PDB file of N, CA and C in Angstrom:
ATOM      1  N   MET A   1      79.656  63.207  40.654  1.00  0.00           N
ATOM      2  CA  MET A   1      79.324  64.224  41.905  1.00  0.00           C
ATOM      3  C   MET A   1      78.348  64.307  42.683  1.00  0.00           C
ATOM      4  N   THR A   2      77.762  63.851  44.065  1.00  0.00           N
ATOM      5  CA  THR A   2      76.531  63.639  44.831  1.00  0.00           C
ATOM      6  C   THR A   2      76.276  64.691  45.224  1.00  0.00           C
ATOM      7  N   ARG A   3      75.079  64.901  45.446  1.00  0.00           N
ATOM      8  CA  ARG A   3      74.572  66.347  45.685  1.00  0.00           C
ATOM      9  C   ARG A   3      74.269  66.316  47.289  1.00  0.00           C
ATOM     10  N   PRO A   4      74.846  67.509  48.002  1.00  0.00           N
ATOM     11  CA  PRO A   4      75.290  67.654  49.168  1.00  0.00           C
ATOM     12  C   PRO A   4      73.630  67.420  49.990  1.00  0.00           C
ATOM     13  N   SER A   5      73.818  67.474  51.382  1.00  0.00           N
ATOM     14  CA  SER A   5      72.683  67.229  52.238  1.00  0.00           C
ATOM     15  C   SER A   5      71.752  68.202  52.674  1.00  0.00           C
ATOM     16  N   GLN A   6      70.906  68.241  53.142  1.00  0.00           N
ATOM     17  CA  GLN A   6      70.070  69.586  53.414  1.00  0.00           C
ATOM     18  C   GLN A   6      71.066  70.162  54.341  1.00  0.00           C
ATOM     19  N   GLN A   7      71.712  69.512  55.531  1.00  0.00           N
ATOM     20  CA  GLN A   7      72.207  69.981  56.424  1.00  0.00           C
ATOM     21  C   GLN A   7      73.731  70.831  55.961  1.00  0.00           C
ATOM     22  N   GLU A   8      74.391  70.295  55.067  1.00  0.00           N
ATOM     23  CA  GLU A   8      75.294  71.154  53.810  1.00  0.00           C
ATOM     24  C   GLU A   8      74.624  72.465  53.398  1.00  0.00           C
ATOM     25  N   ILE A   9      73.697  71.701  52.880  1.00  0.00           N
ATOM     26  CA  ILE A   9      72.850  73.536  52.293  1.00  0.00           C
ATOM     27  C   ILE A   9      72.700  74.595  53.001  1.00  0.00           C
ATOM     28  N   ASP A  10      72.322  74.137  54.376  1.00  0.00           N
ATOM     29  CA  ASP A  10      71.305  74.917  55.374  1.00  0.00           C
ATOM     30  C   ASP A  10      73.211  75.266  55.966  1.00  0.00           C
ATOM     31  N   ASP A  11      74.257  75.206  56.092  1.00  0.00           N
ATOM     32  CA  ASP A  11      75.373  75.583  56.717  1.00  0.00           C
ATOM     33  C   ASP A  11      75.737  76.471  55.429  1.00  0.00           C
ATOM     34  N   ILE A  12      75.594  76.313  54.156  1.00  0.00           N
ATOM     35  CA  ILE A  12      75.923  77.136  53.227  1.00  0.00           C
ATOM     36  C   ILE A  12      75.367  78.438  52.911  1.00  0.00           C
ATOM     37  N   ARG A  13      74.239  78.188  53.345  1.00  0.00           N
ATOM     38  CA  ARG A  13      73.079  79.497  53.526  1.00  0.00           C
ATOM     39  C   ARG A  13      73.541  80.316  54.496  1.00  0.00           C
ATOM     40  N   LYS A  14      73.862  79.890  55.582  1.00  0.00           N
ATOM     41  CA  LYS A  14      73.577  80.998  57.066  1.00  0.00           C
ATOM     42  C   LYS A  14      75.242  81.119  56.794  1.00  0.00           C
ATOM     43  N   ALA A  15      76.649  80.596  55.830  1.00  0.00           N
ATOM     44  CA  ALA A  15      78.102  81.351  56.470  1.00  0.00           C
ATOM     45  C   ALA A  15      77.591  82.201  56.514  1.00  0.00           C
ATOM     46  N   PRO A  16      77.521  83.094  55.631  1.00  0.00           N
ATOM     47  CA  PRO A  16      77.971  84.682  54.824  1.00  0.00           C
ATOM     48  C   PRO A  16      77.653  85.650  56.693  1.00  0.00           C
ATOM     49  N   LYS A  17      75.662  84.856  56.712  1.00  0.00           N
ATOM     50  CA  LYS A  17      75.647  85.686  57.916  1.00  0.00           C
ATOM     51  C   LYS A  17      76.212  85.550  59.325  1.00  0.00           C
ATOM     52  N   GLU A  18      76.405  84.020  59.525  1.00  0.00           N
ATOM     53  CA  GLU A  18      77.508  83.932  61.009  1.00  0.00           C
ATOM     54  C   GLU A  18      78.854  84.256  61.096  1.00  0.00           C
ATOM     55  N   GLU A  19      79.579  84.417  59.375  1.00  0.00           N
ATOM     56  CA  GLU A  19      80.697  85.410  59.620  1.00  0.00           C
ATOM     57  C   GLU A  19      80.704  86.879  59.932  1.00  0.00           C
ATOM     58  N   LYS A  20      79.523  87.529  59.127  1.00  0.00           N
ATOM     59  CA  LYS A  20      79.353  89.038  59.280  1.00  0.00           C
ATOM     60  C   LYS A  20      79.233  89.025  60.832  1.00  0.00           C
ATOM     61  N   ALA A  21      78.437  88.145  61.948  1.00  0.00           N
ATOM     62  CA  ALA A  21      77.963  88.262  63.177  1.00  0.00           C
ATOM     63  C   ALA A  21      79.241  87.909  64.016  1.00  0.00           C
ATOM     64  N   TYR A  22      80.030  86.993  63.709  1.00  0.00           N
ATOM     65  CA  TYR A  22      81.555  87.014  64.468  1.00  0.00           C
ATOM     66  C   TYR A  22      82.445  87.909  64.105  1.00  0.00           C
ATOM     67  N   ASN A  23      81.809  88.789  62.996  1.00  0.00           N
ATOM     68  CA  ASN A  23      83.196  89.533  63.081  1.00  0.00           C
ATOM     69  C   ASN A  23      83.025  90.672  63.276  1.00  0.00           C
ATOM     70  N   ALA A  24      81.297  90.848  63.397  1.00  0.00           N
ATOM     71  CA  ALA A  24      81.150  92.284  64.399  1.00  0.00           C
ATOM     72  C   ALA A  24      81.409  91.942  66.355  1.00  0.00           C
ATOM     73  N   ALA A  25      81.063  90.399  66.570  1.00  0.00           N
ATOM     74  CA  ALA A  25      81.507  90.643  67.633  1.00  0.00           C
ATOM     75  C   ALA A  25      82.940  90.579  68.122  1.00  0.00           C
ATOM     76  N   SER A  26      83.923  89.852  66.851  1.00  0.00           N
ATOM     77  CA  SER A  26      85.001  89.949  67.461  1.00  0.00           C
ATOM     78  C   SER A  26      86.180  91.872  67.677  1.00  0.00           C
ATOM     79  N   SER A  27      85.549  92.688  66.675  1.00  0.00           N
ATOM     80  CA  SER A  27      86.011  93.588  66.229  1.00  0.00           C
ATOM     81  C   SER A  27      86.014  94.344  67.309  1.00  0.00           C
ATOM     82  N   VAL A  28      84.961  94.290  68.203  1.00  0.00           N
ATOM     83  CA  VAL A  28      84.713  95.333  69.193  1.00  0.00           C
ATOM     84  C   VAL A  28      85.083  95.349  69.711  1.00  0.00           C
ATOM     85  N   ALA A  29      86.307  96.019  70.755  1.00  0.00           N
ATOM     86  CA  ALA A  29      87.031  96.133  71.879  1.00  0.00           C
ATOM     87  C   ALA A  29      86.098  96.291  73.351  1.00  0.00           C
ATOM     88  N   PRO A  30      86.691  95.275  74.359  1.00  0.00           N
ATOM     89  CA  PRO A  30      86.342  95.372  75.316  1.00  0.00           C
ATOM     90  C   PRO A  30      86.036  96.875  75.999  1.00  0.00           C
ATOM     91  N   ASN A  31      85.369  97.340  77.122  1.00  0.00           N
ATOM     92  CA  ASN A  31      85.789  98.401  77.805  1.00  0.00           C
ATOM     93  C   ASN A  31      86.831  98.565  78.406  1.00  0.00           C
ATOM     94  N   PRO A  32      87.805  99.498  78.438  1.00  0.00           N
ATOM     95  CA  PRO A  32      88.727  99.437  79.216  1.00  0.00           C
ATOM     96  C   PRO A  32      88.570  99.534  80.451  1.00  0.00           C
ATOM     97  N   ALA A  33      89.513  99.424  81.643  1.00  0.00           N
ATOM     98  CA  ALA A  33      89.382  99.333  82.512  1.00  0.00           C
ATOM     99  C   ALA A  33      89.558 100.722  83.161  1.00  0.00           C
ATOM    100  N   PRO A  34      88.747 101.121  84.254  1.00  0.00           N
ATOM    101  CA  PRO A  34      88.737 102.757  84.964  1.00  0.00           C
ATOM    102  C   PRO A  34      90.425 103.224  85.141  1.00  0.00           C
ATOM    103  N   PRO A  35      90.572 104.182  84.938  1.00  0.00           N
ATOM    104  CA  PRO A  35      92.002 104.697  85.846  1.00  0.00           C
ATOM    105  C   PRO A  35      92.183 104.018  86.848  1.00  0.00           C
ATOM    106  N   ALA A  36      93.050 103.762  87.232  1.00  0.00           N
ATOM    107  CA  ALA A  36      93.512 103.180  88.831  1.00  0.00           C
ATOM    108  C   ALA A  36      93.406 104.706  89.964  1.00  0.00           C
ATOM    109  N   SER A  37      92.873 104.390  90.872  1.00  0.00           N
ATOM    110  CA  SER A  37      92.809 105.384  91.573  1.00  0.00           C
ATOM    111  C   SER A  37      93.974 105.312  93.150  1.00  0.00           C
ATOM    112  N   ALA A  38      94.180 106.386  93.682  1.00  0.00           N
ATOM    113  CA  ALA A  38      95.274 106.635  94.247  1.00  0.00           C
ATOM    114  C   ALA A  38      94.475 105.386  95.382  1.00  0.00           C
ATOM    115  N   PRO A  39      95.464 104.347  96.377  1.00  0.00           N
ATOM    116  CA  PRO A  39      95.279 103.694  97.268  1.00  0.00           C
ATOM    117  C   PRO A  39      94.502 104.681  98.724  1.00  0.00           C
ATOM    118  N   LYS A  40      94.097 103.816  99.424  1.00  0.00           N
ATOM    119  CA  LYS A  40      93.419 104.208 100.529  1.00  0.00           C
ATOM    120  C   LYS A  40      93.961 104.675 101.787  1.00  0.00           C
ATOM    121  N   LYS A  41      94.019 106.141 101.644  1.00  0.00           N
ATOM    122  CA  LYS A  41      95.008 105.944 103.486  1.00  0.00           C
ATOM    123  C   LYS A  41      94.767 105.074 104.620  1.00  0.00           C
ATOM    124  N   MET A  42      95.747 104.852 105.146  1.00  0.00           N
ATOM    125  CA  MET A  42      95.288 104.007 106.262  1.00  0.00           C
ATOM    126  C   MET A  42      96.174 104.469 107.666  1.00  0.00           C
ATOM    127  N   ALA A  43      95.655 104.473 108.867  1.00  0.00           N
ATOM    128  CA  ALA A  43      96.001 104.725 110.027  1.00  0.00           C
ATOM    129  C   ALA A  43      97.719 104.309 110.150  1.00  0.00           C
ATOM    130  N   LYS A  44      98.447 105.110 110.727  1.00  0.00           N
ATOM    131  CA  LYS A  44      99.699 104.482 110.703  1.00  0.00           C
ATOM    132  C   LYS A  44      99.961 103.993 111.587  1.00  0.00           C
ATOM    133  N   GLY A  45     101.094 103.028 111.867  1.00  0.00           N
ATOM    134  CA  GLY A  45     101.112 101.660 112.710  1.00  0.00           C
ATOM    135  C   GLY A  45     101.530 102.289 114.503  1.00  0.00           C
ATOM    136  N   GLY A  46     102.159 103.423 114.480  1.00  0.00           N
ATOM    137  CA  GLY A  46     103.017 103.633 115.836  1.00  0.00           C
ATOM    138  C   GLY A  46     104.276 102.842 116.042  1.00  0.00           C
ATOM    139  N   SER A  47     104.920 102.927 117.273  1.00  0.00           N
ATOM    140  CA  SER A  47     105.778 101.906 117.689  1.00  0.00           C
ATOM    141  C   SER A  47     104.958 100.571 118.432  1.00  0.00           C
ATOM    142  N   ALA A  48     105.461 100.017 119.034  1.00  0.00           N
ATOM    143  CA  ALA A  48     105.135  98.715 119.185  1.00  0.00           C
ATOM    144  C   ALA A  48     104.388  98.850 121.048  1.00  0.00           C
ATOM    145  N   SER A  49     105.022  99.978 121.423  1.00  0.00           N
ATOM    146  CA  SER A  49     104.108 100.332 122.973  1.00  0.00           C
ATOM    147  C   SER A  49     103.250 101.243 122.586  1.00  0.00           C
ATOM    148  N   SER A  50     102.896 102.008 121.457  1.00  0.00           N
ATOM    149  CA  SER A  50     101.810 102.320 121.533  1.00  0.00           C
ATOM    150  C   SER A  50     100.720 101.238 121.028  1.00  0.00           C
ATOM    151  N   ARG A  51     100.913  99.950 120.296  1.00  0.00           N
ATOM    152  CA  ARG A  51     100.075  99.320 120.047  1.00  0.00           C
ATOM    153  C   ARG A  51      99.598  98.725 120.710  1.00  0.00           C
ATOM    154  N   ALA A  52      99.915  98.231 121.904  1.00  0.00           N
ATOM    155  CA  ALA A  52      99.733  97.298 123.392  1.00  0.00           C
ATOM    156  C   ALA A  52      98.703  97.595 123.884  1.00  0.00           C
ATOM    157  N   ASP A  53      98.007  97.073 124.672  1.00  0.00           N
ATOM    158  CA  ASP A  53      97.282  97.083 125.557  1.00  0.00           C
ATOM    159  C   ASP A  53      96.901  98.259 126.270  1.00  0.00           C
ATOM    160  N   GLY A  54      97.400  98.986 126.833  1.00  0.00           N
ATOM    161  CA  GLY A  54      97.247  99.745 127.499  1.00  0.00           C
ATOM    162  C   GLY A  54      98.142  99.804 129.221  1.00  0.00           C
ATOM    163  N   ILE A  55      98.257  98.640 129.361  1.00  0.00           N
ATOM    164  CA  ILE A  55      98.895  98.153 130.324  1.00  0.00           C
ATOM    165  C   ILE A  55     100.353  98.186 131.013  1.00  0.00           C
ATOM    166  N   ALA A  56     100.900  97.746 129.523  1.00  0.00           N
ATOM    167  CA  ALA A  56     102.388  97.430 129.624  1.00  0.00           C
ATOM    168  C   ALA A  56     103.317  98.659 129.658  1.00  0.00           C
ATOM    169  N   GLN A  57     104.167  99.148 129.867  1.00  0.00           N
ATOM    170  CA  GLN A  57     104.600 100.301 129.683  1.00  0.00           C
ATOM    171  C   GLN A  57     106.081  99.882 129.306  1.00  0.00           C
ATOM    172  N   ARG A  58     106.560 100.546 128.384  1.00  0.00           N
ATOM    173  CA  ARG A  58     107.862 100.630 128.024  1.00  0.00           C
ATOM    174  C   ARG A  58     109.259 100.408 128.991  1.00  0.00           C
ATOM    175  N   GLY A  59     109.759  99.877 129.349  1.00  0.00           N
ATOM    176  CA  GLY A  59     110.934 100.044 130.286  1.00  0.00           C
ATOM    177  C   GLY A  59     110.610  99.777 131.835  1.00  0.00           C
ATOM    178  N   LYS A  60     109.132  99.371 131.946  1.00  0.00           N
ATOM    179  CA  LYS A  60     109.077  99.334 133.393  1.00  0.00           C
ATOM    180  C   LYS A  60     107.685  97.837 133.193  1.00  0.00           C
ATOM    181  N   THR A  61     108.672  97.079 132.713  1.00  0.00           N
ATOM    182  CA  THR A  61     107.425  95.452 132.832  1.00  0.00           C
ATOM    183  C   THR A  61     108.262  94.233 133.090  1.00  0.00           C
ATOM    184  N   ARG A  62     109.726  94.570 133.339  1.00  0.00           N
ATOM    185  CA  ARG A  62     111.094  93.457 134.198  1.00  0.00           C
ATOM    186  C   ARG A  62     110.569  93.375 135.627  1.00  0.00           C
ATOM    187  N   GLY A  63     110.199  92.234 136.200  1.00  0.00           N
ATOM    188  CA  GLY A  63     110.583  91.881 137.363  1.00  0.00           C
ATOM    189  C   GLY A  63     111.686  93.054 138.100  1.00  0.00           C
ATOM    190  N   LYS A  64     111.590  93.463 139.195  1.00  0.00           N
ATOM    191  CA  LYS A  64     112.738  93.932 139.780  1.00  0.00           C
ATOM    192  C   LYS A  64     113.527  92.951 140.983  1.00  0.00           C
ATOM    193  N   MET A  65     114.434  92.769 141.376  1.00  0.00           N
ATOM    194  CA  MET A  65     115.748  91.828 141.904  1.00  0.00           C
ATOM    195  C   MET A  65     115.602  93.115 143.125  1.00  0.00           C
ATOM    196  N   CYS A  66     115.445  92.601 144.310  1.00  0.00           N
ATOM    197  CA  CYS A  66     115.851  93.401 145.854  1.00  0.00           C
ATOM    198  C   CYS A  66     117.292  92.790 146.157  1.00  0.00           C
TER     199      CYS A  66
END
């Protein structure tokens, strides 16, 4: 049987410490997300004529024939 290399010996010595650190890091659950808040209230859209630029009025925008 051959003698293990120095790197293999170091790996064998460090294995328990690394395994303990790995288990400690992976067993902690991440912080849960905060509860969802209600959606922000937005202004109502209104009708198409109320969103216009203030010049055109409903029913009075067509040209008239004499």
